[in-house]
Amino acid sequence: QRSPSRQRVGVGTMSPAIALAFLPLVVTLLVRYRHYFRLLVGTVLLRSLRDCLSGLRIEERAFSYVLTHALPGDPGHILTTLDHWSSHCEYLSHMGPVKGQILMRLVEEKAPACVLELGTYCGYSTLLIAQALPPGGRLLTVERDPRTAAVAEKLIRLAGFDEHMVELIVGSSEEVIPCLRTQYQLSRADLVLLIHRPRCYLRDLQLLEAHALLPAGGTVLADHVLFPGAPRFLQYAKSCGRYRCRLYHTGLPDFPAIKDGIAQLTYAGPG
């Protein structure tokens, strides 16, 4: 029988060999998934550290940058400033210019009288919609986090849009949707943008159906359906028989190698 000291020596001499055996696998994973690691480090580790050191959230830091670099009353310049902040300072996890062009083209093409946005975040996509709305168009945008909503509110007003054109509602989409008709005088949403939490997309789509807020021919645009992904939402939209579906393949802003997509649904009616 081997003594404990000899056993400890044996374990000690085996550890480097085991580590070396796994090294090629670790290197392969780091190379293959390097974009995801960069995203993880930027959006979780570094962001948390900066939050602690500054006492501000990333949205608040981005707004401070906008205040000193963007032209008030110019939504296009504010959007460009946010893109620059995200690319050169801190990744903002916003919609970005590529997806933004898809959204703006759709708003210009459909000319919706009323748009509902679920997930205001910092107000980036809100400004995209607002500047493309037809005369007399109205946008209701919903943000569940009060602190984030406060930043978005200031950004929207800085861009020059008043409460009659863009109304920001603070609350969870699950609670707000049933109140839209009675409390916010929204009888129908010609275009709905889902940009909050992909796991909530299916629930909120079904809530919109249940409260008859989607007109026949109305459009639902859902971001992040491939990353992090909304498989149940996509499966429902394709199989229920009430939607025509189109998928735009894109990448994440500043991380084009990470594939994502925007789903465009056209509602055929309750059927």
Protein backbone atom coordinates (compact mmCIF):
# COMPACT_ATOMS: atom_id res chain seq x y z
CA GLN A 1 0.00 0.00 0.00
CA ARG A 2 1.30 3.45 -0.98
CA SER A 3 1.91 5.98 1.75
CA PRO A 4 -0.14 9.23 1.85
CA SER A 5 2.95 11.24 1.00
CA ARG A 6 3.61 9.14 -2.09
CA GLN A 7 -0.06 9.47 -3.07
CA ARG A 8 0.13 13.27 -2.79
CA VAL A 9 3.22 13.32 -4.95
CA GLY A 10 1.43 11.19 -7.52
CA VAL A 11 -1.52 13.57 -7.65
CA GLY A 12 0.81 16.55 -7.91
CA THR A 13 2.67 15.07 -10.84
CA MET A 14 -0.56 14.13 -12.64
CA SER A 15 -2.21 17.59 -12.50
CA PRO A 16 0.00 19.32 -15.10
CA ALA A 17 -0.49 16.38 -17.47
CA ILE A 18 -4.27 16.62 -17.13
CA ALA A 19 -4.13 20.39 -17.65
CA LEU A 20 -2.02 19.99 -20.77
CA ALA A 21 -4.44 17.39 -22.12
CA PHE A 22 -7.31 19.87 -21.87
CA LEU A 23 -5.36 22.86 -23.15
CA PRO A 24 -6.06 22.26 -26.89
CA LEU A 25 -9.78 21.98 -26.15
CA VAL A 26 -9.78 25.22 -24.15
CA VAL A 27 -7.85 27.06 -26.87
CA THR A 28 -10.23 25.74 -29.54
CA LEU A 29 -13.27 26.91 -27.57
CA LEU A 30 -11.75 30.34 -26.95
CA VAL A 31 -10.98 30.79 -30.64
CA ARG A 32 -14.32 29.48 -31.87
CA TYR A 33 -16.43 31.40 -29.39
CA ARG A 34 -14.19 34.44 -28.93
CA HIS A 35 -16.97 36.84 -29.97
CA TYR A 36 -19.29 35.44 -27.31
CA PHE A 37 -16.54 35.71 -24.69
CA ARG A 38 -15.94 39.34 -25.67
CA LEU A 39 -19.65 40.02 -25.42
CA LEU A 40 -19.82 38.33 -22.01
CA VAL A 41 -16.87 40.29 -20.68
CA GLY A 42 -18.19 43.59 -22.05
CA THR A 43 -21.83 43.26 -21.03
CA VAL A 44 -21.43 41.51 -17.69
CA LEU A 45 -17.99 41.80 -16.12
CA LEU A 46 -16.78 45.22 -17.27
CA ARG A 47 -20.25 46.74 -17.12
CA SER A 48 -20.76 45.61 -13.51
CA LEU A 49 -17.36 46.99 -12.57
CA ARG A 50 -18.08 50.37 -14.17
CA ASP A 51 -21.52 50.48 -12.54
CA CYS A 52 -19.89 50.01 -9.13
CA LEU A 53 -17.11 52.53 -9.72
CA SER A 54 -19.28 55.28 -11.23
CA GLY A 55 -22.54 54.74 -9.35
CA LEU A 56 -24.30 55.07 -12.72
CA ARG A 57 -25.81 52.54 -15.08
CA ILE A 58 -24.57 52.23 -18.63
CA GLU A 59 -27.69 53.98 -19.95
CA GLU A 60 -26.99 56.93 -17.66
CA ARG A 61 -23.35 57.06 -18.72
CA ALA A 62 -24.42 56.95 -22.37
CA PHE A 63 -26.88 59.80 -21.81
CA SER A 64 -24.16 61.93 -20.21
CA TYR A 65 -22.06 61.34 -23.33
CA VAL A 66 -25.01 62.34 -25.54
CA LEU A 67 -25.52 65.55 -23.57
CA THR A 68 -21.96 66.66 -24.26
CA HIS A 69 -21.60 65.42 -27.85
CA ALA A 70 -25.01 65.42 -29.60
CA LEU A 71 -27.11 68.23 -31.04
CA PRO A 72 -30.38 68.74 -29.12
CA GLY A 73 -33.45 68.52 -31.33
CA ASP A 74 -31.63 66.39 -33.92
CA PRO A 75 -32.69 62.72 -33.43
CA GLY A 76 -30.43 61.51 -36.25
CA HIS A 77 -27.36 63.04 -34.63
CA ILE A 78 -28.35 61.66 -31.23
CA LEU A 79 -28.64 58.17 -32.71
CA THR A 80 -25.23 58.50 -34.38
CA THR A 81 -23.75 59.64 -31.07
CA LEU A 82 -25.18 56.59 -29.29
CA ASP A 83 -23.72 54.34 -32.00
CA HIS A 84 -20.32 55.98 -31.52
CA TRP A 85 -20.55 55.53 -27.75
CA SER A 86 -21.40 51.85 -28.15
CA SER A 87 -18.58 51.20 -30.63
CA HIS A 88 -15.82 53.20 -28.92
CA CYS A 89 -16.74 53.41 -25.23
CA GLU A 90 -19.09 50.74 -23.88
CA TYR A 91 -21.24 48.24 -25.72
CA LEU A 92 -24.81 49.46 -25.23
CA SER A 93 -26.80 46.36 -26.30
CA HIS A 94 -29.03 48.60 -28.42
CA MET A 95 -30.66 47.95 -31.80
CA GLY A 96 -27.88 49.55 -33.82
CA PRO A 97 -27.84 51.07 -37.33
CA VAL A 98 -28.26 47.89 -39.42
CA LYS A 99 -31.40 46.70 -37.67
CA GLY A 100 -32.44 50.33 -37.33
CA GLN A 101 -32.59 50.72 -41.11
CA ILE A 102 -34.95 47.73 -41.31
CA LEU A 103 -37.19 49.29 -38.68
CA MET A 104 -37.22 52.75 -40.27
CA ARG A 105 -37.96 51.38 -43.76
CA LEU A 106 -40.88 49.44 -42.36
CA VAL A 107 -42.31 52.45 -40.52
CA GLU A 108 -41.98 54.60 -43.64
CA GLU A 109 -43.55 51.89 -45.80
CA LYS A 110 -46.48 51.11 -43.50
CA ALA A 111 -47.06 54.72 -42.31
CA PRO A 112 -48.75 53.47 -39.10
CA ALA A 113 -51.14 55.80 -37.29
CA CYS A 114 -50.15 54.24 -33.98
CA VAL A 115 -47.08 52.24 -32.96
CA LEU A 116 -46.64 50.25 -29.77
CA GLU A 117 -43.10 49.54 -28.59
CA LEU A 118 -42.54 47.01 -25.81
CA GLY A 119 -39.09 47.65 -24.36
CA THR A 120 -37.97 51.29 -24.50
CA TYR A 121 -34.56 50.64 -22.93
CA CYS A 122 -32.41 53.75 -23.58
CA GLY A 123 -34.78 55.12 -26.24
CA TYR A 124 -32.70 54.27 -29.32
CA SER A 125 -35.37 52.39 -31.26
CA THR A 126 -37.96 54.88 -29.96
CA LEU A 127 -36.17 57.70 -31.76
CA LEU A 128 -35.89 55.60 -34.92
CA ILE A 129 -39.65 55.07 -34.96
CA ALA A 130 -40.55 58.63 -33.99
CA GLN A 131 -38.53 60.28 -36.74
CA ALA A 132 -40.09 57.97 -39.36
CA LEU A 133 -43.72 58.35 -38.22
CA PRO A 134 -46.18 59.98 -40.61
CA PRO A 135 -47.70 63.37 -39.66
CA GLY A 136 -50.12 62.85 -36.80
CA GLY A 137 -48.62 59.47 -35.93
CA ARG A 138 -48.46 58.35 -32.32
CA LEU A 139 -46.00 56.13 -30.47
CA LEU A 140 -46.59 54.44 -27.12
CA THR A 141 -43.47 52.89 -25.64
CA VAL A 142 -43.38 50.68 -22.54
CA GLU A 143 -40.43 50.22 -20.18
CA ARG A 144 -40.63 48.18 -16.99
CA ASP A 145 -37.56 49.62 -15.23
CA PRO A 146 -38.20 53.13 -13.79
CA ARG A 147 -34.54 54.13 -13.74
CA THR A 148 -34.01 53.12 -17.36
CA ALA A 149 -37.30 54.79 -18.32
CA ALA A 150 -36.12 58.06 -16.75
CA VAL A 151 -33.06 58.07 -19.04
CA ALA A 152 -35.16 57.23 -22.11
CA GLU A 153 -37.65 59.99 -21.25
CA LYS A 154 -34.87 62.59 -21.17
CA LEU A 155 -33.39 61.30 -24.42
CA ILE A 156 -36.76 61.39 -26.21
CA ARG A 157 -37.45 64.96 -25.06
CA LEU A 158 -33.88 66.02 -25.91
CA ALA A 159 -34.54 64.81 -29.47
CA GLY A 160 -37.56 67.11 -29.68
CA PHE A 161 -40.52 64.72 -29.40
CA ASP A 162 -43.30 65.74 -26.99
CA GLU A 163 -45.78 63.61 -25.01
CA HIS A 164 -48.48 63.94 -27.67
CA MET A 165 -46.29 62.19 -30.23
CA VAL A 166 -44.28 59.85 -27.98
CA GLU A 167 -45.76 58.67 -24.68
CA LEU A 168 -43.58 56.60 -22.37
CA ILE A 169 -45.39 54.20 -20.02
CA VAL A 170 -43.53 52.80 -17.03
CA GLY A 171 -44.65 49.27 -16.17
CA SER A 172 -44.37 45.64 -17.22
CA SER A 173 -45.82 44.75 -20.62
CA GLU A 174 -47.97 42.07 -19.01
CA GLU A 175 -49.70 44.67 -16.85
CA VAL A 176 -49.81 47.49 -19.40
CA ILE A 177 -51.26 45.66 -22.44
CA PRO A 178 -54.68 44.94 -20.83
CA CYS A 179 -54.96 48.66 -19.91
CA LEU A 180 -54.03 50.13 -23.29
CA ARG A 181 -57.58 50.45 -24.59
CA THR A 182 -59.18 51.97 -21.49
CA GLN A 183 -56.34 53.88 -19.83
CA TYR A 184 -54.30 55.00 -22.85
CA GLN A 185 -57.02 55.23 -25.53
CA LEU A 186 -55.23 52.81 -27.83
CA SER A 187 -57.85 50.97 -29.86
CA ARG A 188 -55.35 49.30 -32.18
CA ALA A 189 -51.63 49.18 -32.87
CA ASP A 190 -50.83 49.21 -36.58
CA LEU A 191 -47.22 48.29 -35.80
CA VAL A 192 -45.84 46.60 -32.69
CA LEU A 193 -42.13 46.39 -31.90
CA LEU A 194 -41.09 43.65 -29.48
CA ILE A 195 -37.64 44.50 -28.18
CA HIS A 196 -37.79 43.75 -24.46
CA ARG A 197 -37.33 40.14 -23.29
CA PRO A 198 -37.55 37.40 -25.93
CA ARG A 199 -38.98 34.95 -23.41
CA CYS A 200 -41.97 37.31 -23.03
CA TYR A 201 -42.68 37.71 -26.76
CA LEU A 202 -45.16 34.85 -27.08
CA ARG A 203 -47.05 35.82 -23.93
CA ASP A 204 -47.34 39.45 -25.04
CA LEU A 205 -48.33 38.56 -28.60
CA GLN A 206 -51.16 36.43 -27.26
CA LEU A 207 -52.18 39.25 -24.91
CA LEU A 208 -52.36 41.63 -27.86
CA GLU A 209 -54.55 39.12 -29.70
CA ALA A 210 -56.78 38.53 -26.68
CA HIS A 211 -57.42 42.26 -26.26
CA ALA A 212 -58.06 42.77 -30.00
CA LEU A 213 -55.26 45.32 -30.34
CA LEU A 214 -53.89 43.91 -33.62
CA PRO A 215 -55.81 44.95 -36.74
CA ALA A 216 -55.91 42.72 -39.81
CA GLY A 217 -52.86 43.65 -41.86
CA GLY A 218 -51.04 44.95 -38.78
CA THR A 219 -47.33 44.30 -38.37
CA VAL A 220 -45.40 42.83 -35.47
CA LEU A 221 -41.61 43.26 -35.56
CA ALA A 222 -39.61 41.19 -33.05
CA ASP A 223 -35.89 41.70 -32.42
CA HIS A 224 -33.41 39.16 -30.98
CA VAL A 225 -35.37 36.14 -32.21
CA LEU A 226 -32.15 34.21 -32.99
CA PHE A 227 -29.86 35.54 -30.24
CA PRO A 228 -30.64 35.03 -27.44
CA GLY A 229 -33.61 33.63 -29.35
CA ALA A 230 -37.39 33.25 -29.13
CA PRO A 231 -38.07 29.74 -30.51
CA ARG A 232 -41.56 29.32 -28.98
CA PHE A 233 -42.61 32.70 -30.34
CA LEU A 234 -41.40 31.83 -33.85
CA GLN A 235 -42.99 28.38 -33.75
CA TYR A 236 -46.33 29.85 -32.71
CA ALA A 237 -46.25 32.57 -35.36
CA LYS A 238 -45.47 30.05 -38.10
CA SER A 239 -47.93 27.37 -37.03
CA CYS A 240 -51.02 29.19 -35.74
CA GLY A 241 -52.15 30.22 -39.24
CA ARG A 242 -52.76 33.89 -38.37
CA TYR A 243 -49.44 35.36 -39.48
CA ARG A 244 -47.25 35.66 -42.54
CA CYS A 245 -43.65 35.52 -41.38
CA ARG A 246 -40.44 36.98 -42.74
CA LEU A 247 -37.04 36.71 -41.07
CA TYR A 248 -34.25 39.24 -41.56
CA HIS A 249 -30.83 37.75 -40.77
CA THR A 250 -28.48 40.23 -39.11
CA GLY A 251 -25.63 40.35 -36.61
CA LEU A 252 -25.37 42.06 -33.26
CA PRO A 253 -24.22 45.69 -33.37
CA ASP A 254 -20.43 45.76 -32.98
CA PHE A 255 -20.44 41.93 -32.98
CA PRO A 256 -21.44 41.04 -36.57
CA ALA A 257 -20.08 37.50 -36.20
CA ILE A 258 -22.82 36.76 -33.63
CA LYS A 259 -25.82 35.98 -35.78
CA ASP A 260 -29.22 37.38 -34.86
CA GLY A 261 -32.47 38.11 -36.63
CA ILE A 262 -35.60 40.26 -36.75
CA ALA A 263 -38.93 38.59 -37.40
CA GLN A 264 -41.64 40.49 -39.27
CA LEU A 265 -45.14 39.13 -38.77
CA THR A 266 -48.19 40.30 -40.71
CA TYR A 267 -51.43 39.63 -38.88
CA ALA A 268 -54.22 38.11 -40.99
CA GLY A 269 -56.91 38.50 -38.33
CA PRO A 270 -58.38 36.23 -35.64
CA GLY A 271 -59.55 33.72 -38.25
